[in-house]
Amino acid sequence: MVYSKAIIRPNLLYEFKNRVKAIEAALRIRNAFGEDTVSDEVARFWFRRFKTGNETIENEPRQGRPGTCSNEKIEKYLV
């Protein structure tokens, strides 16, 4: 079963609040929810963020709009 970020991130925050190290937290979450739920690197990223005082579990807003490009534009450029 694939778990959403809305399930995994609160668990990371919970582990952080309980002073568990990021790697240990990732291991515990993988043991509970499955091997593909969270990597050590992702756990370290969120723990660094929590350590700065930012305990929101939502993504930060991004600047600008994502770029779009159609296959027609690419083909026109290549010809």
C-alpha atoms as a PDB file:
ATOM      1  CA  MET A   1       0.000   0.000   0.000  1.00  0.00           C
ATOM      2  CA  VAL A   2       1.236   3.479  -0.851  1.00  0.00           C
ATOM      3  CA  TYR A   3       0.861   6.042   1.923  1.00  0.00           C
ATOM      4  CA  SER A   4       0.505   9.724   1.178  1.00  0.00           C
ATOM      5  CA  LYS A   5       2.738  12.505   2.407  1.00  0.00           C
ATOM      6  CA  ALA A   6      -0.172  13.561   4.634  1.00  0.00           C
ATOM      7  CA  ILE A   7       0.330  10.326   6.593  1.00  0.00           C
ATOM      8  CA  ILE A   8       4.144  10.153   6.628  1.00  0.00           C
ATOM      9  CA  ARG A   9       5.050  13.770   7.441  1.00  0.00           C
ATOM     10  CA  PRO A  10       3.073  13.966  10.704  1.00  0.00           C
ATOM     11  CA  ASN A  11       4.835  10.781  11.784  1.00  0.00           C
ATOM     12  CA  LEU A  12       8.188  12.402  11.059  1.00  0.00           C
ATOM     13  CA  LEU A  13       7.178  15.407  13.152  1.00  0.00           C
ATOM     14  CA  TYR A  14       6.047  13.075  15.949  1.00  0.00           C
ATOM     15  CA  GLU A  15       9.391  11.282  15.923  1.00  0.00           C
ATOM     16  CA  PHE A  16      11.238  14.616  15.869  1.00  0.00           C
ATOM     17  CA  LYS A  17       9.268  15.852  18.878  1.00  0.00           C
ATOM     18  CA  ASN A  18      10.205  12.654  20.713  1.00  0.00           C
ATOM     19  CA  ARG A  19      13.894  13.368  20.036  1.00  0.00           C
ATOM     20  CA  VAL A  20      14.395  10.350  17.803  1.00  0.00           C
ATOM     21  CA  LYS A  21      17.191  10.718  15.245  1.00  0.00           C
ATOM     22  CA  ALA A  22      16.116  11.123  11.618  1.00  0.00           C
ATOM     23  CA  ILE A  23      17.575   7.795  10.459  1.00  0.00           C
ATOM     24  CA  GLU A  24      15.929   5.940  13.328  1.00  0.00           C
ATOM     25  CA  ALA A  25      12.629   7.702  12.603  1.00  0.00           C
ATOM     26  CA  ALA A  26      12.788   6.661   8.951  1.00  0.00           C
ATOM     27  CA  LEU A  27      13.498   3.073   9.986  1.00  0.00           C
ATOM     28  CA  ARG A  28      10.591   3.037  12.432  1.00  0.00           C
ATOM     29  CA  ILE A  29       8.214   4.494   9.840  1.00  0.00           C
ATOM     30  CA  ARG A  30       9.340   1.958   7.231  1.00  0.00           C
ATOM     31  CA  ASN A  31       8.807  -0.850   9.753  1.00  0.00           C
ATOM     32  CA  ALA A  32       5.278   0.385  10.436  1.00  0.00           C
ATOM     33  CA  PHE A  33       4.162   1.426   6.948  1.00  0.00           C
ATOM     34  CA  GLY A  34       6.407  -0.427   4.501  1.00  0.00           C
ATOM     35  CA  GLU A  35       9.815  -0.174   2.878  1.00  0.00           C
ATOM     36  CA  ASP A  36       8.882   2.404   0.233  1.00  0.00           C
ATOM     37  CA  THR A  37       7.356   5.016   2.535  1.00  0.00           C
ATOM     38  CA  VAL A  38      10.258   7.291   3.471  1.00  0.00           C
ATOM     39  CA  SER A  39      13.962   7.379   2.701  1.00  0.00           C
ATOM     40  CA  ASP A  40      16.697   8.354   5.134  1.00  0.00           C
ATOM     41  CA  GLU A  41      17.425  11.433   3.017  1.00  0.00           C
ATOM     42  CA  VAL A  42      13.802  12.621   3.137  1.00  0.00           C
ATOM     43  CA  ALA A  43      13.694  12.106   6.893  1.00  0.00           C
ATOM     44  CA  ARG A  44      16.894  14.148   7.293  1.00  0.00           C
ATOM     45  CA  PHE A  45      15.417  16.935   5.123  1.00  0.00           C
ATOM     46  CA  TRP A  46      12.293  17.191   7.276  1.00  0.00           C
ATOM     47  CA  PHE A  47      14.235  16.980  10.533  1.00  0.00           C
ATOM     48  CA  ARG A  48      16.502  19.854   9.405  1.00  0.00           C
ATOM     49  CA  ARG A  49      13.382  21.857   8.595  1.00  0.00           C
ATOM     50  CA  PHE A  50      11.761  21.072  11.950  1.00  0.00           C
ATOM     51  CA  LYS A  51      14.985  21.987  13.740  1.00  0.00           C
ATOM     52  CA  THR A  52      14.786  25.539  12.332  1.00  0.00           C
ATOM     53  CA  GLY A  53      11.412  25.933  14.025  1.00  0.00           C
ATOM     54  CA  ASN A  54       9.331  25.374  10.901  1.00  0.00           C
ATOM     55  CA  GLU A  55       7.023  22.561  11.946  1.00  0.00           C
ATOM     56  CA  THR A  56       4.528  22.833   9.114  1.00  0.00           C
ATOM     57  CA  ILE A  57       4.191  19.623   7.158  1.00  0.00           C
ATOM     58  CA  GLU A  58       3.072  21.295   3.939  1.00  0.00           C
ATOM     59  CA  ASN A  59       5.370  22.093   1.028  1.00  0.00           C
ATOM     60  CA  GLU A  60       6.683  25.636   0.878  1.00  0.00           C
ATOM     61  CA  PRO A  61       5.056  27.781  -1.813  1.00  0.00           C
ATOM     62  CA  ARG A  62       7.153  28.076  -4.934  1.00  0.00           C
ATOM     63  CA  GLN A  63       7.931  31.129  -6.981  1.00  0.00           C
ATOM     64  CA  GLY A  64       6.408  31.409 -10.420  1.00  0.00           C
ATOM     65  CA  ARG A  65       4.450  29.058 -12.580  1.00  0.00           C
ATOM     66  CA  PRO A  66       5.790  25.733 -13.830  1.00  0.00           C
ATOM     67  CA  GLY A  67       6.941  25.865 -17.418  1.00  0.00           C
ATOM     68  CA  THR A  68       4.901  24.229 -20.133  1.00  0.00           C
ATOM     69  CA  CYS A  69       6.008  23.124 -23.533  1.00  0.00           C
ATOM     70  CA  SER A  70       4.172  21.160 -26.181  1.00  0.00           C
ATOM     71  CA  ASN A  71       5.678  18.475 -28.375  1.00  0.00           C
ATOM     72  CA  GLU A  72       4.909  20.690 -31.385  1.00  0.00           C
ATOM     73  CA  LYS A  73       7.166  23.440 -30.070  1.00  0.00           C
ATOM     74  CA  ILE A  74       9.959  20.959 -29.444  1.00  0.00           C
ATOM     75  CA  GLU A  75       9.616  19.389 -32.885  1.00  0.00           C
ATOM     76  CA  LYS A  76       9.584  22.834 -34.524  1.00  0.00           C
ATOM     77  CA  TYR A  77      12.797  23.733 -32.716  1.00  0.00           C
ATOM     78  CA  LEU A  78      14.517  20.502 -33.736  1.00  0.00           C
ATOM     79  CA  VAL A  79      13.713  20.883 -37.450  1.00  0.00           C
END
